[in-house]
PDB file of all heavy atoms in Angstrom:
ATOM      1  N   ALA A   1       2.540  99.512  94.947  1.00  0.00           N
ATOM      2  CA  ALA A   1       2.808  98.072  94.908  1.00  0.00           C
ATOM      3  C   ALA A   1       1.560  97.298  94.495  1.00  0.00           C
ATOM      4  O   ALA A   1       1.639  96.342  93.711  1.00  0.00           O
ATOM      5  CB  ALA A   1       3.296  97.604  96.274  1.00  0.00           C
ATOM      6  N   ALA A   2       0.404  97.715  94.991  1.00  0.00           N
ATOM      7  CA  ALA A   2      -0.850  97.041  94.644  1.00  0.00           C
ATOM      8  C   ALA A   2      -1.202  97.217  93.174  1.00  0.00           C
ATOM      9  O   ALA A   2      -1.998  96.451  92.633  1.00  0.00           O
ATOM     10  CB  ALA A   2      -1.978  97.581  95.520  1.00  0.00           C
ATOM     11  N   ASN A   3      -0.585  98.198  92.530  1.00  0.00           N
ATOM     12  CA  ASN A   3      -0.840  98.454  91.113  1.00  0.00           C
ATOM     13  C   ASN A   3       0.342  98.065  90.231  1.00  0.00           C
ATOM     14  O   ASN A   3       0.536  98.629  89.154  1.00  0.00           O
ATOM     15  CB  ASN A   3      -1.208  99.919  90.908  1.00  0.00           C
ATOM     16  CG  ASN A   3      -2.629 100.225  91.306  1.00  0.00           C
ATOM     17  OD1 ASN A   3      -3.556 100.046  90.524  1.00  0.00           O
ATOM     18  ND2 ASN A   3      -2.811 100.675  92.546  1.00  0.00           N
ATOM     19  N   GLY A   4       1.125  97.098  90.696  1.00  0.00           N
ATOM     20  CA  GLY A   4       2.132  96.485  89.838  1.00  0.00           C
ATOM     21  C   GLY A   4       3.534  97.052  89.923  1.00  0.00           C
ATOM     22  O   GLY A   4       4.406  96.643  89.154  1.00  0.00           O
ATOM     23  N   TYR A   5       3.792  97.975  90.820  1.00  0.00           N
ATOM     24  CA  TYR A   5       5.135  98.544  90.958  1.00  0.00           C
ATOM     25  C   TYR A   5       5.954  97.749  91.969  1.00  0.00           C
ATOM     26  O   TYR A   5       5.427  97.299  92.993  1.00  0.00           O
ATOM     27  CB  TYR A   5       5.055  99.989  91.442  1.00  0.00           C
ATOM     28  CG  TYR A   5       4.866 101.009  90.333  1.00  0.00           C
ATOM     29  CD1 TYR A   5       3.676 101.077  89.623  1.00  0.00           C
ATOM     30  CD2 TYR A   5       5.875 101.907  89.999  1.00  0.00           C
ATOM     31  CE1 TYR A   5       3.489 102.000  88.610  1.00  0.00           C
ATOM     32  CE2 TYR A   5       5.705 102.840  88.980  1.00  0.00           C
ATOM     33  CZ  TYR A   5       4.514 102.883  88.297  1.00  0.00           C
ATOM     34  OH  TYR A   5       4.345 103.806  87.293  1.00  0.00           O
ATOM     35  N   SER A   6       7.239  97.569  91.697  1.00  0.00           N
ATOM     36  CA  SER A   6       8.155  97.086  92.717  1.00  0.00           C
ATOM     37  C   SER A   6       8.560  98.289  93.572  1.00  0.00           C
ATOM     38  O   SER A   6       8.741  99.394  93.054  1.00  0.00           O
ATOM     39  CB  SER A   6       9.390  96.432  92.092  1.00  0.00           C
ATOM     40  OG  SER A   6      10.134  97.371  91.335  1.00  0.00           O
ATOM     41  N   THR A   7       8.686  98.094  94.875  1.00  0.00           N
ATOM     42  CA  THR A   7       8.964  99.221  95.769  1.00  0.00           C
ATOM     43  C   THR A   7      10.217  98.947  96.576  1.00  0.00           C
ATOM     44  O   THR A   7      10.400  97.851  97.120  1.00  0.00           O
ATOM     45  CB  THR A   7       7.780  99.487  96.709  1.00  0.00           C
ATOM     46  OG1 THR A   7       7.562  98.350  97.551  1.00  0.00           O
ATOM     47  CG2 THR A   7       6.503  99.778  95.923  1.00  0.00           C
ATOM     48  N   LEU A   8      11.067  99.949  96.672  1.00  0.00           N
ATOM     49  CA  LEU A   8      12.307  99.831  97.425  1.00  0.00           C
ATOM     50  C   LEU A   8      12.712 101.200  97.948  1.00  0.00           C
ATOM     51  O   LEU A   8      12.370 102.231  97.362  1.00  0.00           O
ATOM     52  CB  LEU A   8      13.423  99.229  96.569  1.00  0.00           C
ATOM     53  CG  LEU A   8      13.927  99.987  95.330  1.00  0.00           C
ATOM     54  CD1 LEU A   8      15.250  99.383  94.859  1.00  0.00           C
ATOM     55  CD2 LEU A   8      12.927  99.950  94.175  1.00  0.00           C
ATOM     56  N   ALA A   9      13.433 101.206  99.064  1.00  0.00           N
ATOM     57  CA  ALA A   9      13.788 102.488  99.668  1.00  0.00           C
ATOM     58  C   ALA A   9      14.965 102.316 100.600  1.00  0.00           C
ATOM     59  O   ALA A   9      15.293 101.207 101.053  1.00  0.00           O
ATOM     60  CB  ALA A   9      12.601 103.084 100.424  1.00  0.00           C
ATOM     61  N   ALA A  10      15.603 103.451 100.906  1.00  0.00           N
ATOM     62  CA  ALA A  10      16.667 103.522 101.904  1.00  0.00           C
ATOM     63  C   ALA A  10      16.526 104.842 102.645  1.00  0.00           C
ATOM     64  O   ALA A  10      16.099 105.844 102.075  1.00  0.00           O
ATOM     65  CB  ALA A  10      18.044 103.422 101.253  1.00  0.00           C
ATOM     66  N   GLY A  11      16.893 104.837 103.930  1.00  0.00           N
ATOM     67  CA  GLY A  11      16.862 106.068 104.706  1.00  0.00           C
ATOM     68  C   GLY A  11      15.486 106.383 105.259  1.00  0.00           C
ATOM     69  O   GLY A  11      14.630 105.511 105.399  1.00  0.00           O
ATOM     70  N   LYS A  12      15.272 107.673 105.550  1.00  0.00           N
ATOM     71  CA  LYS A  12      14.033 108.096 106.200  1.00  0.00           C
ATOM     72  C   LYS A  12      13.013 108.616 105.197  1.00  0.00           C
ATOM     73  O   LYS A  12      13.203 109.662 104.596  1.00  0.00           O
ATOM     74  CB  LYS A  12      14.318 109.180 107.241  1.00  0.00           C
ATOM     75  CG  LYS A  12      13.062 109.631 107.989  1.00  0.00           C
ATOM     76  CD  LYS A  12      13.355 110.736 108.976  1.00  0.00           C
ATOM     77  CE  LYS A  12      12.087 111.198 109.666  1.00  0.00           C
ATOM     78  NZ  LYS A  12      12.309 112.333 110.583  1.00  0.00           N
ATOM     79  N   LEU A  13      11.936 107.864 105.029  1.00  0.00           N
ATOM     80  CA  LEU A  13      10.789 108.310 104.242  1.00  0.00           C
ATOM     81  C   LEU A  13       9.577 108.496 105.140  1.00  0.00           C
ATOM     82  O   LEU A  13       8.882 109.510 105.066  1.00  0.00           O
ATOM     83  CB  LEU A  13      10.463 107.292 103.145  1.00  0.00           C
ATOM     84  CG  LEU A  13      11.267 107.284 101.843  1.00  0.00           C
ATOM     85  CD1 LEU A  13      11.143 108.599 101.115  1.00  0.00           C
ATOM     86  CD2 LEU A  13      12.701 106.874 102.030  1.00  0.00           C
ATOM     87  N   LEU A  14       9.322 107.525 105.993  1.00  0.00           N
ATOM     88  CA  LEU A  14       8.148 107.513 106.857  1.00  0.00           C
ATOM     89  C   LEU A  14       8.543 107.864 108.289  1.00  0.00           C
ATOM     90  O   LEU A  14       9.724 107.861 108.643  1.00  0.00           O
ATOM     91  CB  LEU A  14       7.485 106.136 106.818  1.00  0.00           C
ATOM     92  CG  LEU A  14       7.115 105.618 105.431  1.00  0.00           C
ATOM     93  CD1 LEU A  14       6.866 104.125 105.474  1.00  0.00           C
ATOM     94  CD2 LEU A  14       5.890 106.340 104.911  1.00  0.00           C
ATOM     95  N   HIS A  15       7.546 108.160 109.107  1.00  0.00           N
ATOM     96  CA  HIS A  15       7.778 108.442 110.522  1.00  0.00           C
ATOM     97  C   HIS A  15       6.562 107.944 111.288  1.00  0.00           C
ATOM     98  O   HIS A  15       5.463 108.460 111.120  1.00  0.00           O
ATOM     99  CB  HIS A  15       7.969 109.946 110.744  1.00  0.00           C
ATOM    100  CG  HIS A  15       8.363 110.304 112.149  1.00  0.00           C
ATOM    101  ND1 HIS A  15       9.580 110.876 112.468  1.00  0.00           N
ATOM    102  CD2 HIS A  15       7.711 110.175 113.326  1.00  0.00           C
ATOM    103  CE1 HIS A  15       9.645 111.087 113.766  1.00  0.00           C
ATOM    104  NE2 HIS A  15       8.519 110.661 114.306  1.00  0.00           N
ATOM    105  N   GLY A  16       6.751 106.894 112.094  1.00  0.00           N
ATOM    106  CA  GLY A  16       5.629 106.321 112.828  1.00  0.00           C
ATOM    107  C   GLY A  16       4.926 105.206 112.081  1.00  0.00           C
ATOM    108  O   GLY A  16       3.919 104.673 112.570  1.00  0.00           O
ATOM    109  N   TYR A  17       5.431 104.847 110.913  1.00  0.00           N
ATOM    110  CA  TYR A  17       4.886 103.752 110.110  1.00  0.00           C
ATOM    111  C   TYR A  17       6.076 102.949 109.625  1.00  0.00           C
ATOM    112  O   TYR A  17       7.039 103.516 109.095  1.00  0.00           O
ATOM    113  CB  TYR A  17       4.086 104.309 108.933  1.00  0.00           C
ATOM    114  CG  TYR A  17       3.139 103.327 108.286  1.00  0.00           C
ATOM    115  CD1 TYR A  17       1.858 103.145 108.797  1.00  0.00           C
ATOM    116  CD2 TYR A  17       3.506 102.598 107.166  1.00  0.00           C
ATOM    117  CE1 TYR A  17       0.961 102.261 108.207  1.00  0.00           C
ATOM    118  CE2 TYR A  17       2.624 101.713 106.573  1.00  0.00           C
ATOM    119  CZ  TYR A  17       1.354 101.548 107.098  1.00  0.00           C
ATOM    120  OH  TYR A  17       0.475 100.654 106.501  1.00  0.00           O
ATOM    121  N   PRO A  18       6.089 101.615 109.788  1.00  0.00           N
ATOM    122  CA  PRO A  18       7.309 100.828 109.567  1.00  0.00           C
ATOM    123  C   PRO A  18       7.744 100.741 108.104  1.00  0.00           C
ATOM    124  O   PRO A  18       6.979 100.297 107.246  1.00  0.00           O
ATOM    125  CB  PRO A  18       6.932  99.445 110.110  1.00  0.00           C
ATOM    126  CG  PRO A  18       5.437  99.392 110.011  1.00  0.00           C
ATOM    127  CD  PRO A  18       4.950 100.780 110.241  1.00  0.00           C
ATOM    128  N   HIS A  19       8.977 101.156 107.843  1.00  0.00           N
ATOM    129  CA  HIS A  19       9.519 101.056 106.492  1.00  0.00           C
ATOM    130  C   HIS A  19       9.557  99.609 106.004  1.00  0.00           C
ATOM    131  O   HIS A  19       9.243  99.317 104.854  1.00  0.00           O
ATOM    132  CB  HIS A  19      10.945 101.616 106.448  1.00  0.00           C
ATOM    133  CG  HIS A  19      11.041 103.102 106.590  1.00  0.00           C
ATOM    134  ND1 HIS A  19      11.122 103.732 107.811  1.00  0.00           N
ATOM    135  CD2 HIS A  19      11.086 104.094 105.660  1.00  0.00           C
ATOM    136  CE1 HIS A  19      11.210 105.035 107.626  1.00  0.00           C
ATOM    137  NE2 HIS A  19      11.193 105.288 106.340  1.00  0.00           N
ATOM    138  N   GLU A  20       9.977  98.712 106.894  1.00  0.00           N
ATOM    139  CA  GLU A  20      10.183  97.314 106.495  1.00  0.00           C
ATOM    140  C   GLU A  20       8.890  96.641 106.045  1.00  0.00           C
ATOM    141  O   GLU A  20       8.911  95.703 105.255  1.00  0.00           O
ATOM    142  CB  GLU A  20      10.792  96.523 107.655  1.00  0.00           C
ATOM    143  CG  GLU A  20      12.205  96.955 108.046  1.00  0.00           C
ATOM    144  CD  GLU A  20      12.204  98.172 108.984  1.00  0.00           C
ATOM    145  OE1 GLU A  20      11.105  98.702 109.278  1.00  0.00           O
ATOM    146  OE2 GLU A  20      13.289  98.577 109.416  1.00  0.00           O
ATOM    147  N   ARG A  21       7.743  97.111 106.548  1.00  0.00           N
ATOM    148  CA  ARG A  21       6.463  96.521 106.181  1.00  0.00           C
ATOM    149  C   ARG A  21       5.798  97.290 105.045  1.00  0.00           C
ATOM    150  O   ARG A  21       4.741  96.891 104.559  1.00  0.00           O
ATOM    151  CB  ARG A  21       5.531  96.510 107.400  1.00  0.00           C
ATOM    152  CG  ARG A  21       6.036  95.660 108.548  1.00  0.00           C
ATOM    153  CD  ARG A  21       5.114  95.797 109.753  1.00  0.00           C
ATOM    154  NE  ARG A  21       5.582  95.019 110.888  1.00  0.00           N
ATOM    155  CZ  ARG A  21       4.997  95.015 112.082  1.00  0.00           C
ATOM    156  NH1 ARG A  21       3.900  95.750 112.283  1.00  0.00           N
ATOM    157  NH2 ARG A  21       5.480  94.306 113.075  1.00  0.00           N
ATOM    158  N   THR A  22       6.409  98.390 104.644  1.00  0.00           N
ATOM    159  CA  THR A  22       5.816  99.250 103.620  1.00  0.00           C
ATOM    160  C   THR A  22       6.450  99.038 102.260  1.00  0.00           C
ATOM    161  O   THR A  22       5.766  99.038 101.237  1.00  0.00           O
ATOM    162  CB  THR A  22       5.954 100.730 104.026  1.00  0.00           C
ATOM    163  OG1 THR A  22       5.443 100.897 105.354  1.00  0.00           O
ATOM    164  CG2 THR A  22       5.204 101.644 103.076  1.00  0.00           C
ATOM    165  N   PHE A  23       7.764  98.875 102.244  1.00  0.00           N
ATOM    166  CA  PHE A  23       8.505  98.660 101.006  1.00  0.00           C
ATOM    167  C   PHE A  23       8.888  97.185 100.876  1.00  0.00           C
ATOM    168  O   PHE A  23       9.198  96.522 101.871  1.00  0.00           O
ATOM    169  CB  PHE A  23       9.772  99.519 100.985  1.00  0.00           C
ATOM    170  CG  PHE A  23       9.501 101.003 100.927  1.00  0.00           C
ATOM    171  CD1 PHE A  23       9.427 101.752 102.097  1.00  0.00           C
ATOM    172  CD2 PHE A  23       9.325 101.646  99.711  1.00  0.00           C
ATOM    173  CE1 PHE A  23       9.182 103.120 102.056  1.00  0.00           C
ATOM    174  CE2 PHE A  23       9.078 103.009  99.659  1.00  0.00           C
ATOM    175  CZ  PHE A  23       9.002 103.745 100.831  1.00  0.00           C
ATOM    176  N   GLU A  24       8.894  96.699  99.655  1.00  0.00           N
ATOM    177  CA  GLU A  24       9.289  95.314  99.429  1.00  0.00           C
ATOM    178  C   GLU A  24      10.762  95.101  99.747  1.00  0.00           C
ATOM    179  O   GLU A  24      11.174  94.002 100.137  1.00  0.00           O
ATOM    180  CB  GLU A  24       8.993  94.941  97.972  1.00  0.00           C
ATOM    181  CG  GLU A  24       7.516  94.959  97.645  1.00  0.00           C
ATOM    182  CD  GLU A  24       7.217  94.917  96.166  1.00  0.00           C
ATOM    183  OE1 GLU A  24       8.126  95.196  95.345  1.00  0.00           O
ATOM    184  OE2 GLU A  24       6.072  94.623  95.807  1.00  0.00           O
TER     185      GLU A  24
END
C-alpha cells in the first residue's frame, strides 16, 4: 500500500494482527 497498491482481502490471512487495519 505504501508503494502505490490498493489492498483488499477476505477471509483469514493474518493471525494476531488486525485485518481491518491492514487492508484498505
